[in-house]
N, C-alpha and C. Protein backbone atom coordinates (compact mmCIF):
# COMPACT_ATOMS: atom_id res chain seq x y z
N UNK A 1 0.85 -1.20 0.00
CA UNK A 1 0.00 0.00 0.00
C UNK A 1 0.88 1.24 0.00
N UNK A 2 0.54 2.22 -0.80
CA UNK A 2 1.30 3.45 -0.86
C UNK A 2 0.64 4.51 -0.01
N UNK A 3 1.45 5.41 0.52
CA UNK A 3 0.96 6.48 1.37
C UNK A 3 1.41 7.82 0.79
N UNK A 4 0.78 8.88 1.29
CA UNK A 4 1.20 10.22 0.89
C UNK A 4 0.01 11.04 0.46
N UNK A 5 0.28 12.25 0.12
CA UNK A 5 -0.77 13.16 -0.32
C UNK A 5 -1.09 12.97 -1.78
N UNK A 6 -2.34 13.27 -2.17
CA UNK A 6 -2.61 13.35 -3.60
C UNK A 6 -1.59 14.29 -4.24
N UNK A 7 -1.22 14.00 -5.45
CA UNK A 7 -0.09 14.70 -6.05
C UNK A 7 -0.28 16.19 -6.17
N UNK A 8 -1.54 16.64 -6.27
CA UNK A 8 -1.74 18.07 -6.47
C UNK A 8 -2.02 18.81 -5.17
N UNK A 9 -1.76 18.17 -4.03
CA UNK A 9 -1.97 18.84 -2.76
C UNK A 9 -0.66 19.49 -2.32
N UNK A 10 -0.61 20.83 -2.26
CA UNK A 10 0.61 21.47 -1.79
C UNK A 10 0.70 21.37 -0.27
N UNK A 11 1.91 21.33 0.25
CA UNK A 11 2.12 21.31 1.69
C UNK A 11 2.92 22.56 2.06
N UNK A 12 2.44 23.27 3.08
CA UNK A 12 3.11 24.49 3.49
C UNK A 12 4.53 24.17 3.96
N UNK A 13 5.41 25.15 3.84
CA UNK A 13 6.79 24.96 4.25
C UNK A 13 6.84 24.50 5.71
N UNK A 14 7.70 23.52 5.97
CA UNK A 14 7.93 22.95 7.29
C UNK A 14 6.78 22.06 7.77
N UNK A 15 5.76 21.88 6.98
CA UNK A 15 4.68 20.98 7.39
C UNK A 15 5.03 19.54 7.02
N UNK A 16 4.73 18.62 7.94
CA UNK A 16 4.88 17.20 7.61
C UNK A 16 3.74 16.78 6.69
N UNK A 17 3.99 15.77 5.92
CA UNK A 17 2.93 15.29 5.03
C UNK A 17 1.88 14.54 5.83
N UNK A 18 0.67 14.60 5.34
CA UNK A 18 -0.44 13.86 5.92
C UNK A 18 -0.47 12.48 5.28
N UNK A 19 -0.34 11.44 6.07
CA UNK A 19 -0.26 10.08 5.54
C UNK A 19 -1.67 9.57 5.26
N UNK A 20 -1.89 9.11 4.05
CA UNK A 20 -3.21 8.65 3.63
C UNK A 20 -3.25 7.13 3.65
N UNK A 21 -4.29 6.58 4.27
CA UNK A 21 -4.55 5.14 4.23
C UNK A 21 -6.06 4.96 4.07
N UNK A 22 -6.52 3.72 4.09
CA UNK A 22 -7.95 3.47 3.93
C UNK A 22 -8.78 4.10 5.03
N UNK A 23 -8.17 4.31 6.22
CA UNK A 23 -8.93 4.85 7.34
C UNK A 23 -9.24 6.33 7.21
N UNK A 24 -8.53 7.04 6.34
CA UNK A 24 -8.80 8.47 6.18
C UNK A 24 -8.95 8.89 4.72
N UNK A 25 -8.90 7.91 3.81
CA UNK A 25 -8.92 8.23 2.39
C UNK A 25 -10.22 8.94 1.98
N UNK A 26 -11.34 8.52 2.59
CA UNK A 26 -12.62 9.14 2.25
C UNK A 26 -12.66 10.61 2.61
N UNK A 27 -12.08 10.96 3.76
CA UNK A 27 -12.05 12.36 4.17
C UNK A 27 -11.18 13.19 3.24
N UNK A 28 -10.03 12.65 2.86
CA UNK A 28 -9.14 13.35 1.93
C UNK A 28 -9.83 13.58 0.59
N UNK A 29 -10.49 12.55 0.07
CA UNK A 29 -11.17 12.68 -1.22
C UNK A 29 -12.30 13.70 -1.13
N UNK A 30 -13.02 13.71 -0.02
CA UNK A 30 -14.11 14.68 0.14
C UNK A 30 -13.58 16.11 0.14
N UNK A 31 -12.51 16.34 0.87
CA UNK A 31 -11.94 17.69 0.90
C UNK A 31 -11.35 18.07 -0.45
N UNK A 32 -10.81 17.10 -1.17
CA UNK A 32 -10.25 17.36 -2.49
C UNK A 32 -11.34 17.80 -3.47
N UNK A 33 -12.59 17.39 -3.20
CA UNK A 33 -13.70 17.76 -4.08
C UNK A 33 -14.53 18.90 -3.55
N UNK A 34 -13.89 19.85 -2.91
CA UNK A 34 -14.64 20.93 -2.27
C UNK A 34 -15.52 21.71 -3.24
N UNK A 35 -15.17 21.77 -4.49
CA UNK A 35 -15.98 22.49 -5.47
C UNK A 35 -17.34 21.86 -5.70
N UNK A 36 -17.51 20.61 -5.27
CA UNK A 36 -18.79 19.91 -5.44
C UNK A 36 -19.64 19.88 -4.17
N UNK A 37 -19.17 20.53 -3.11
CA UNK A 37 -19.96 20.55 -1.89
C UNK A 37 -21.31 21.23 -2.13
N UNK A 38 -22.39 20.77 -1.49
CA UNK A 38 -23.69 21.42 -1.68
C UNK A 38 -23.75 22.83 -1.12
N UNK A 39 -22.97 23.10 -0.09
CA UNK A 39 -22.77 24.46 0.42
C UNK A 39 -21.28 24.68 0.52
N UNK A 40 -20.86 25.92 0.69
CA UNK A 40 -19.43 26.23 0.66
C UNK A 40 -18.76 25.98 2.01
N UNK A 41 -19.31 25.06 2.78
CA UNK A 41 -18.79 24.77 4.11
C UNK A 41 -18.89 23.27 4.37
N UNK A 42 -17.92 22.74 5.12
CA UNK A 42 -17.97 21.34 5.55
C UNK A 42 -17.42 21.26 6.97
N UNK A 43 -17.80 20.19 7.65
CA UNK A 43 -17.32 19.94 9.01
C UNK A 43 -16.41 18.72 8.98
N UNK A 44 -15.22 18.85 9.57
CA UNK A 44 -14.28 17.75 9.69
C UNK A 44 -14.14 17.39 11.16
N UNK A 45 -14.41 16.12 11.49
CA UNK A 45 -14.26 15.66 12.86
C UNK A 45 -13.27 14.50 12.90
N UNK A 46 -12.88 14.14 14.10
CA UNK A 46 -11.97 13.02 14.26
C UNK A 46 -11.32 13.05 15.62
N UNK A 47 -10.66 11.97 16.00
CA UNK A 47 -10.01 11.90 17.30
C UNK A 47 -8.90 12.95 17.42
N UNK A 48 -8.64 13.35 18.63
CA UNK A 48 -7.50 14.23 18.89
C UNK A 48 -6.22 13.55 18.40
N UNK A 49 -5.30 14.34 17.88
CA UNK A 49 -4.01 13.89 17.36
C UNK A 49 -4.14 13.09 16.07
N UNK A 50 -5.31 13.14 15.44
CA UNK A 50 -5.52 12.35 14.21
C UNK A 50 -5.01 13.07 12.96
N UNK A 51 -4.47 14.26 13.12
CA UNK A 51 -3.96 15.01 11.97
C UNK A 51 -5.01 15.90 11.34
N UNK A 52 -6.12 16.12 12.02
CA UNK A 52 -7.18 16.92 11.40
C UNK A 52 -6.75 18.38 11.20
N UNK A 53 -5.95 18.92 12.13
CA UNK A 53 -5.48 20.30 11.95
C UNK A 53 -4.52 20.40 10.77
N UNK A 54 -3.61 19.44 10.65
CA UNK A 54 -2.70 19.41 9.51
C UNK A 54 -3.48 19.27 8.21
N UNK A 55 -4.46 18.39 8.19
CA UNK A 55 -5.27 18.22 6.99
C UNK A 55 -6.00 19.51 6.66
N UNK A 56 -6.45 20.22 7.68
CA UNK A 56 -7.10 21.51 7.45
C UNK A 56 -6.16 22.53 6.84
N UNK A 57 -4.91 22.55 7.29
CA UNK A 57 -3.95 23.50 6.72
C UNK A 57 -3.63 23.16 5.27
N UNK A 58 -3.53 21.88 4.99
CA UNK A 58 -3.29 21.46 3.61
C UNK A 58 -4.48 21.86 2.73
N UNK A 59 -5.69 21.64 3.25
CA UNK A 59 -6.89 22.04 2.52
C UNK A 59 -6.89 23.54 2.23
N UNK A 60 -6.56 24.34 3.22
CA UNK A 60 -6.55 25.80 3.03
C UNK A 60 -5.51 26.20 1.98
N UNK A 61 -4.35 25.54 2.00
CA UNK A 61 -3.30 25.86 1.03
C UNK A 61 -3.74 25.54 -0.39
N UNK A 62 -4.50 24.47 -0.54
CA UNK A 62 -4.94 24.08 -1.88
C UNK A 62 -6.12 24.90 -2.37
N UNK A 63 -7.13 25.08 -1.50
CA UNK A 63 -8.39 25.68 -1.93
C UNK A 63 -8.43 27.18 -1.80
N UNK A 64 -7.52 27.75 -1.00
CA UNK A 64 -7.61 29.18 -0.70
C UNK A 64 -8.73 29.49 0.28
N UNK A 65 -9.24 28.45 0.92
CA UNK A 65 -10.36 28.62 1.83
C UNK A 65 -9.92 28.96 3.24
N UNK A 66 -10.90 28.97 4.13
CA UNK A 66 -10.71 29.32 5.53
C UNK A 66 -10.92 28.08 6.38
N UNK A 67 -10.16 27.96 7.45
CA UNK A 67 -10.30 26.84 8.38
C UNK A 67 -10.56 27.40 9.77
N UNK A 68 -11.56 26.86 10.43
CA UNK A 68 -11.83 27.19 11.83
C UNK A 68 -11.51 25.95 12.65
N UNK A 69 -10.37 25.97 13.33
CA UNK A 69 -9.97 24.82 14.14
C UNK A 69 -10.56 24.94 15.54
N UNK A 70 -10.78 23.79 16.18
CA UNK A 70 -11.39 23.76 17.52
C UNK A 70 -12.64 24.64 17.56
N UNK A 71 -13.49 24.43 16.58
CA UNK A 71 -14.65 25.32 16.42
C UNK A 71 -15.59 25.28 17.61
N UNK A 72 -15.63 24.16 18.33
CA UNK A 72 -16.53 24.06 19.47
C UNK A 72 -16.11 24.99 20.61
N UNK A 73 -14.86 25.49 20.56
CA UNK A 73 -14.38 26.42 21.59
C UNK A 73 -14.53 27.87 21.15
N UNK A 74 -14.93 28.09 19.92
CA UNK A 74 -15.08 29.45 19.40
C UNK A 74 -16.45 29.99 19.76
N UNK A 75 -16.58 31.32 19.83
CA UNK A 75 -17.92 31.91 20.02
C UNK A 75 -18.84 31.50 18.87
N UNK A 76 -20.06 31.12 19.19
CA UNK A 76 -20.98 30.65 18.15
C UNK A 76 -21.28 31.75 17.13
N UNK A 77 -21.30 32.99 17.58
CA UNK A 77 -21.57 34.09 16.63
C UNK A 77 -20.44 34.20 15.60
N UNK A 78 -19.20 33.92 16.02
CA UNK A 78 -18.07 33.96 15.09
C UNK A 78 -18.23 32.90 14.02
N UNK A 79 -18.55 31.67 14.43
CA UNK A 79 -18.73 30.59 13.47
C UNK A 79 -19.91 30.89 12.54
N UNK A 80 -20.96 31.45 13.10
CA UNK A 80 -22.15 31.81 12.31
C UNK A 80 -21.78 32.80 11.20
N UNK A 81 -21.04 33.85 11.54
CA UNK A 81 -20.69 34.87 10.54
C UNK A 81 -19.71 34.30 9.50
N UNK A 82 -18.81 33.43 9.92
CA UNK A 82 -17.91 32.82 8.95
C UNK A 82 -18.67 31.91 7.99
N UNK A 83 -19.66 31.18 8.50
CA UNK A 83 -20.49 30.33 7.64
C UNK A 83 -21.19 31.18 6.58
N UNK A 84 -21.79 32.28 7.00
CA UNK A 84 -22.49 33.16 6.05
C UNK A 84 -21.52 33.76 5.04
N UNK A 85 -20.35 34.18 5.51
CA UNK A 85 -19.38 34.80 4.60
C UNK A 85 -18.91 33.81 3.55
N UNK A 86 -18.74 32.55 3.93
CA UNK A 86 -18.31 31.55 2.97
C UNK A 86 -19.31 31.40 1.84
N UNK A 87 -20.59 31.46 2.16
CA UNK A 87 -21.61 31.33 1.11
C UNK A 87 -21.63 32.58 0.22
N UNK A 88 -21.51 33.75 0.85
CA UNK A 88 -21.55 35.00 0.08
C UNK A 88 -20.36 35.10 -0.88
N UNK A 89 -19.19 34.70 -0.40
CA UNK A 89 -17.96 34.84 -1.19
C UNK A 89 -17.67 33.60 -2.04
N UNK A 90 -18.41 32.52 -1.79
CA UNK A 90 -18.14 31.22 -2.42
C UNK A 90 -16.69 30.81 -2.19
N UNK A 91 -16.22 31.10 -0.99
CA UNK A 91 -14.88 30.71 -0.58
C UNK A 91 -15.03 29.61 0.47
N UNK A 92 -14.50 28.42 0.24
CA UNK A 92 -14.80 27.29 1.12
C UNK A 92 -14.34 27.51 2.56
N UNK A 93 -15.16 27.01 3.45
CA UNK A 93 -14.88 27.08 4.87
C UNK A 93 -14.87 25.66 5.43
N UNK A 94 -13.81 25.30 6.12
CA UNK A 94 -13.73 24.00 6.78
C UNK A 94 -13.78 24.22 8.29
N UNK A 95 -14.76 23.61 8.93
CA UNK A 95 -14.94 23.72 10.37
C UNK A 95 -14.45 22.42 11.00
N UNK A 96 -13.48 22.52 11.88
CA UNK A 96 -12.91 21.34 12.54
C UNK A 96 -13.45 21.28 13.97
N UNK A 97 -14.03 20.14 14.30
CA UNK A 97 -14.66 19.98 15.62
C UNK A 97 -14.42 18.57 16.13
N UNK A 98 -14.66 18.38 17.42
CA UNK A 98 -14.51 17.05 18.01
C UNK A 98 -15.60 16.10 17.54
N UNK A 99 -16.81 16.60 17.45
CA UNK A 99 -17.96 15.78 17.06
C UNK A 99 -18.85 16.60 16.13
N UNK A 100 -19.65 15.95 15.30
CA UNK A 100 -20.57 16.68 14.42
C UNK A 100 -21.87 16.98 15.14
N UNK A 101 -22.68 17.91 14.59
CA UNK A 101 -24.04 18.05 15.11
C UNK A 101 -24.79 16.75 14.85
N UNK A 102 -25.75 16.35 15.68
CA UNK A 102 -26.25 17.08 16.86
C UNK A 102 -25.46 16.81 18.13
N UNK A 103 -24.39 15.97 18.07
CA UNK A 103 -23.57 15.77 19.26
C UNK A 103 -22.91 17.08 19.68
N UNK A 104 -22.56 17.89 18.71
CA UNK A 104 -22.10 19.25 18.98
C UNK A 104 -23.35 20.09 19.26
N UNK A 105 -23.58 20.38 20.51
CA UNK A 105 -24.81 21.06 20.92
C UNK A 105 -24.63 22.57 20.79
N UNK A 106 -25.30 23.13 19.81
CA UNK A 106 -25.20 24.57 19.52
C UNK A 106 -26.45 25.25 20.06
N UNK A 107 -26.26 26.34 20.77
CA UNK A 107 -27.40 27.05 21.38
C UNK A 107 -27.95 28.16 20.48
N UNK A 108 -27.13 28.67 19.55
CA UNK A 108 -27.59 29.73 18.65
C UNK A 108 -28.43 29.09 17.55
N UNK A 109 -29.74 29.37 17.51
CA UNK A 109 -30.60 28.67 16.55
C UNK A 109 -30.18 28.84 15.09
N UNK A 110 -29.78 30.05 14.71
CA UNK A 110 -29.40 30.28 13.31
C UNK A 110 -28.16 29.47 12.93
N UNK A 111 -27.21 29.34 13.86
CA UNK A 111 -26.04 28.53 13.57
C UNK A 111 -26.41 27.05 13.54
N UNK A 112 -27.25 26.63 14.46
CA UNK A 112 -27.65 25.22 14.51
C UNK A 112 -28.30 24.79 13.20
N UNK A 113 -29.14 25.64 12.64
CA UNK A 113 -29.82 25.29 11.39
C UNK A 113 -28.84 25.21 10.24
N UNK A 114 -27.84 26.07 10.23
CA UNK A 114 -26.84 26.05 9.17
C UNK A 114 -25.93 24.83 9.28
N UNK A 115 -25.53 24.50 10.49
CA UNK A 115 -24.68 23.33 10.66
C UNK A 115 -25.44 22.05 10.32
N UNK A 116 -26.73 22.04 10.56
CA UNK A 116 -27.52 20.86 10.22
C UNK A 116 -27.55 20.63 8.71
N UNK A 117 -27.38 21.69 7.94
CA UNK A 117 -27.38 21.59 6.48
C UNK A 117 -25.97 21.46 5.90
N UNK A 118 -24.98 21.33 6.76
CA UNK A 118 -23.58 21.29 6.35
C UNK A 118 -23.07 19.86 6.30
N UNK A 119 -22.48 19.43 5.21
CA UNK A 119 -21.93 18.05 5.16
C UNK A 119 -20.79 17.88 6.15
N UNK A 120 -20.69 16.66 6.68
CA UNK A 120 -19.67 16.36 7.68
C UNK A 120 -18.91 15.11 7.27
N UNK A 121 -17.61 15.11 7.52
CA UNK A 121 -16.75 13.98 7.21
C UNK A 121 -15.85 13.73 8.41
N UNK A 122 -15.54 12.46 8.67
CA UNK A 122 -14.78 12.12 9.87
C UNK A 122 -13.49 11.39 9.53
N UNK A 123 -12.46 11.64 10.31
CA UNK A 123 -11.25 10.83 10.29
C UNK A 123 -11.46 9.70 11.29
N UNK A 124 -11.23 8.47 10.85
CA UNK A 124 -11.40 7.31 11.72
C UNK A 124 -10.12 7.02 12.50
N UNK A 125 -10.24 6.14 13.49
CA UNK A 125 -9.03 5.63 14.14
C UNK A 125 -8.15 4.97 13.09
N UNK A 126 -6.83 4.97 13.28
CA UNK A 126 -5.93 4.47 12.24
C UNK A 126 -6.07 2.96 12.02
N UNK A 127 -5.97 2.54 10.77
CA UNK A 127 -5.91 1.11 10.47
C UNK A 127 -4.46 0.64 10.65
N UNK A 128 -4.25 -0.66 10.51
CA UNK A 128 -2.93 -1.23 10.78
C UNK A 128 -1.83 -0.63 9.91
N UNK A 129 -2.02 -0.49 8.58
CA UNK A 129 -0.96 0.14 7.78
C UNK A 129 -0.63 1.55 8.22
N UNK A 130 -1.66 2.31 8.63
CA UNK A 130 -1.41 3.68 9.07
C UNK A 130 -0.68 3.70 10.40
N UNK A 131 -1.01 2.77 11.29
CA UNK A 131 -0.29 2.69 12.56
C UNK A 131 1.20 2.47 12.30
N UNK A 132 1.54 1.53 11.43
CA UNK A 132 2.94 1.28 11.10
C UNK A 132 3.61 2.52 10.50
N UNK A 133 2.91 3.17 9.59
CA UNK A 133 3.48 4.34 8.92
C UNK A 133 3.69 5.49 9.90
N UNK A 134 2.76 5.66 10.84
CA UNK A 134 2.91 6.73 11.83
C UNK A 134 4.04 6.44 12.80
N UNK A 135 4.17 5.19 13.22
CA UNK A 135 5.32 4.83 14.05
C UNK A 135 6.62 5.16 13.32
N UNK A 136 6.71 4.77 12.06
CA UNK A 136 7.91 5.02 11.28
C UNK A 136 8.21 6.51 11.19
N UNK A 137 7.19 7.29 10.88
CA UNK A 137 7.36 8.74 10.73
C UNK A 137 7.78 9.39 12.05
N UNK A 138 7.07 9.09 13.13
CA UNK A 138 7.32 9.76 14.40
C UNK A 138 8.66 9.34 15.01
N UNK A 139 9.01 8.07 14.86
CA UNK A 139 10.31 7.62 15.37
C UNK A 139 11.47 8.22 14.58
N UNK A 140 11.29 8.35 13.28
CA UNK A 140 12.33 9.01 12.47
C UNK A 140 12.49 10.47 12.88
N UNK A 141 11.40 11.12 13.24
CA UNK A 141 11.49 12.51 13.70
C UNK A 141 12.32 12.61 14.98
N UNK A 142 12.34 11.54 15.77
CA UNK A 142 13.14 11.52 17.00
C UNK A 142 14.56 11.03 16.74
N UNK A 143 14.89 10.76 15.48
CA UNK A 143 16.21 10.24 15.15
C UNK A 143 16.36 8.76 15.43
N UNK A 144 15.22 8.04 15.49
CA UNK A 144 15.24 6.62 15.80
C UNK A 144 14.85 5.82 14.56
N UNK A 145 15.84 5.43 13.78
CA UNK A 145 15.55 4.56 12.65
C UNK A 145 15.08 3.21 13.17
N UNK A 146 13.98 2.72 12.61
CA UNK A 146 13.34 1.53 13.16
C UNK A 146 13.14 0.48 12.07
N UNK A 147 13.66 -0.73 12.25
CA UNK A 147 13.49 -1.78 11.24
C UNK A 147 12.01 -2.12 11.04
N UNK A 148 11.65 -2.57 9.86
CA UNK A 148 10.25 -2.90 9.57
C UNK A 148 9.66 -3.93 10.53
N UNK A 149 10.47 -4.90 10.96
CA UNK A 149 9.91 -5.92 11.84
C UNK A 149 9.54 -5.35 13.21
N UNK A 150 10.23 -4.30 13.64
CA UNK A 150 9.88 -3.65 14.90
C UNK A 150 8.60 -2.83 14.74
N UNK A 151 8.46 -2.17 13.61
CA UNK A 151 7.23 -1.43 13.34
C UNK A 151 6.03 -2.37 13.33
N UNK A 152 6.18 -3.53 12.70
CA UNK A 152 5.08 -4.51 12.67
C UNK A 152 4.77 -5.03 14.07
N UNK A 153 5.80 -5.26 14.85
CA UNK A 153 5.63 -5.75 16.22
C UNK A 153 4.82 -4.75 17.04
N UNK A 154 5.18 -3.48 16.97
CA UNK A 154 4.48 -2.44 17.73
C UNK A 154 3.04 -2.29 17.26
N UNK A 155 2.87 -2.22 15.94
CA UNK A 155 1.53 -1.96 15.39
C UNK A 155 0.55 -3.07 15.74
N UNK A 156 1.05 -4.29 15.86
CA UNK A 156 0.16 -5.42 16.14
C UNK A 156 -0.26 -5.49 17.60
N UNK A 157 0.37 -4.69 18.48
CA UNK A 157 0.14 -4.87 19.92
C UNK A 157 -0.47 -3.68 20.63
N UNK A 158 -0.43 -2.51 20.05
CA UNK A 158 -0.98 -1.36 20.76
C UNK A 158 -2.44 -1.12 20.35
N UNK A 159 -3.11 -0.32 21.15
CA UNK A 159 -4.45 0.14 20.78
C UNK A 159 -4.34 0.99 19.52
N UNK A 160 -5.26 0.81 18.61
CA UNK A 160 -5.21 1.56 17.35
C UNK A 160 -5.85 2.94 17.55
N UNK A 161 -5.08 3.81 18.13
CA UNK A 161 -5.50 5.20 18.31
C UNK A 161 -4.29 6.09 18.16
N UNK A 162 -4.52 7.31 17.72
CA UNK A 162 -3.40 8.24 17.52
C UNK A 162 -2.75 8.59 18.85
N UNK A 163 -3.54 8.74 19.90
CA UNK A 163 -2.98 9.07 21.21
C UNK A 163 -2.09 7.95 21.70
N UNK A 164 -2.50 6.69 21.51
CA UNK A 164 -1.69 5.55 21.94
C UNK A 164 -0.36 5.51 21.18
N UNK A 165 -0.40 5.80 19.90
CA UNK A 165 0.84 5.82 19.11
C UNK A 165 1.81 6.85 19.67
N UNK A 166 1.31 8.05 19.94
CA UNK A 166 2.18 9.13 20.41
C UNK A 166 2.76 8.80 21.79
N UNK A 167 1.92 8.27 22.68
CA UNK A 167 2.43 7.89 24.01
C UNK A 167 3.50 6.81 23.91
N UNK A 168 3.28 5.84 23.02
CA UNK A 168 4.27 4.77 22.87
C UNK A 168 5.57 5.30 22.29
N UNK A 169 5.48 6.19 21.32
CA UNK A 169 6.69 6.79 20.75
C UNK A 169 7.47 7.56 21.83
N UNK A 170 6.76 8.31 22.67
CA UNK A 170 7.43 9.03 23.76
C UNK A 170 8.19 8.06 24.67
N UNK A 171 7.53 6.95 25.02
CA UNK A 171 8.16 5.98 25.91
C UNK A 171 9.34 5.29 25.24
N UNK A 172 9.21 4.96 23.95
CA UNK A 172 10.32 4.35 23.22
C UNK A 172 11.51 5.30 23.15
N UNK A 173 11.24 6.55 22.89
CA UNK A 173 12.31 7.55 22.79
C UNK A 173 13.02 7.69 24.13
N UNK A 174 12.26 7.80 25.22
CA UNK A 174 12.87 7.95 26.55
C UNK A 174 13.74 6.74 26.89
N UNK A 175 13.21 5.55 26.62
CA UNK A 175 13.95 4.33 26.98
C UNK A 175 15.19 4.16 26.12
N UNK A 176 15.06 4.36 24.82
CA UNK A 176 16.21 4.23 23.94
C UNK A 176 17.30 5.22 24.30
N UNK A 177 16.92 6.44 24.66
CA UNK A 177 17.90 7.46 25.02
C UNK A 177 18.56 7.14 26.36
N UNK A 178 17.75 6.79 27.36
CA UNK A 178 18.31 6.55 28.69
C UNK A 178 19.20 5.31 28.74
N UNK A 179 18.89 4.33 27.91
CA UNK A 179 19.66 3.09 27.90
C UNK A 179 20.65 3.00 26.74
N UNK A 180 20.66 4.06 25.91
CA UNK A 180 21.56 4.11 24.76
C UNK A 180 21.46 2.85 23.92
N UNK A 181 20.20 2.54 23.54
CA UNK A 181 19.93 1.31 22.78
C UNK A 181 19.27 1.64 21.45
N UNK A 182 19.48 0.76 20.50
CA UNK A 182 18.83 0.89 19.20
C UNK A 182 17.41 0.33 19.30
N UNK A 183 16.60 0.64 18.28
CA UNK A 183 15.23 0.17 18.24
C UNK A 183 15.22 -1.28 17.79
N UNK A 184 14.91 -2.16 18.73
CA UNK A 184 14.83 -3.60 18.47
C UNK A 184 13.54 -4.14 19.06
N UNK A 185 13.21 -5.37 18.72
CA UNK A 185 12.01 -5.99 19.30
C UNK A 185 12.16 -6.16 20.82
N UNK A 186 13.31 -6.58 21.34
CA UNK A 186 13.44 -6.64 22.81
C UNK A 186 13.20 -5.30 23.49
N UNK A 187 13.68 -4.21 22.89
CA UNK A 187 13.42 -2.88 23.47
C UNK A 187 11.94 -2.55 23.39
N UNK A 188 11.33 -2.82 22.25
CA UNK A 188 9.89 -2.55 22.11
C UNK A 188 9.09 -3.36 23.12
N UNK A 189 9.45 -4.62 23.31
CA UNK A 189 8.75 -5.47 24.29
C UNK A 189 8.90 -4.89 25.69
N UNK A 190 10.10 -4.47 26.04
CA UNK A 190 10.34 -3.88 27.36
C UNK A 190 9.44 -2.68 27.58
N UNK A 191 9.35 -1.82 26.59
CA UNK A 191 8.54 -0.61 26.74
C UNK A 191 7.05 -0.93 26.85
N UNK A 192 6.56 -1.84 26.01
CA UNK A 192 5.14 -2.18 26.06
C UNK A 192 4.78 -2.85 27.37
N UNK A 193 5.67 -3.67 27.91
CA UNK A 193 5.43 -4.29 29.22
C UNK A 193 5.40 -3.23 30.32
N UNK A 194 6.34 -2.29 30.26
CA UNK A 194 6.40 -1.24 31.28
C UNK A 194 5.18 -0.33 31.23
N UNK A 195 4.63 -0.13 30.03
CA UNK A 195 3.45 0.72 29.88
C UNK A 195 2.16 -0.01 30.25
N UNK A 196 2.25 -1.32 30.44
CA UNK A 196 1.06 -2.10 30.74
C UNK A 196 0.21 -2.38 29.53
N UNK A 197 0.77 -2.17 28.34
CA UNK A 197 0.03 -2.42 27.11
C UNK A 197 -0.13 -3.91 26.88
N UNK A 198 0.84 -4.68 27.34
CA UNK A 198 0.73 -6.13 27.24
C UNK A 198 1.42 -6.74 28.45
N UNK A 199 1.17 -8.02 28.69
CA UNK A 199 1.79 -8.74 29.79
C UNK A 199 2.67 -9.84 29.23
N UNK A 200 3.51 -10.41 30.09
CA UNK A 200 4.35 -11.54 29.67
C UNK A 200 3.48 -12.71 29.21
N UNK A 201 2.36 -12.92 29.90
CA UNK A 201 1.48 -14.03 29.53
C UNK A 201 0.91 -13.83 28.13
N UNK A 202 0.52 -12.58 27.82
CA UNK A 202 -0.01 -12.30 26.48
C UNK A 202 1.07 -12.50 25.43
N UNK A 203 2.28 -12.06 25.71
CA UNK A 203 3.36 -12.14 24.74
C UNK A 203 3.75 -13.58 24.48
N UNK A 204 3.63 -14.43 25.49
CA UNK A 204 4.07 -15.81 25.35
C UNK A 204 2.95 -16.76 24.95
N UNK A 205 1.71 -16.18 24.81
CA UNK A 205 0.57 -17.05 24.49
C UNK A 205 0.56 -17.38 23.00
């Protein structure tokens, strides 16, 4: 399986690439087709640390549109006026939130009605290929070159969530640095056991 951005997606300077797999491909394709949206606004949701902010920045760079990140923390009147402006200017607006309406409980009636008419797309928890690719990317950022068999070992044993990946990378980095060790399966096993992600009985079963 190949990863990476669609070829015509520009990435801002110093931005890491957004890794595409089956778990997020639908969201990427939807944003890539912003000109076909029924309204000039869409809502992007997904787990924390799932790359939704990075995807929003890439979207803005390509479309020339506006992104409202952490929209649930913004004043509702601000989001309401941005929604209206996007329609008037036909300039796409991407709203990034933790959850879509109606789980996102909006008290301003005019905004609630507009969000109800706004298409929503979600980033899912990472699939196995994406877990491996994210481990590879994040460990390389820490200067930890990791053999493929170690990546497979880690991906097969942790919870498939972006937060779990980041926590495991932090622990691997700390342990490798403190013990001056390379990334190997014995090191990965030590870290996962210490984190309580797995037990000796599970590993030997």
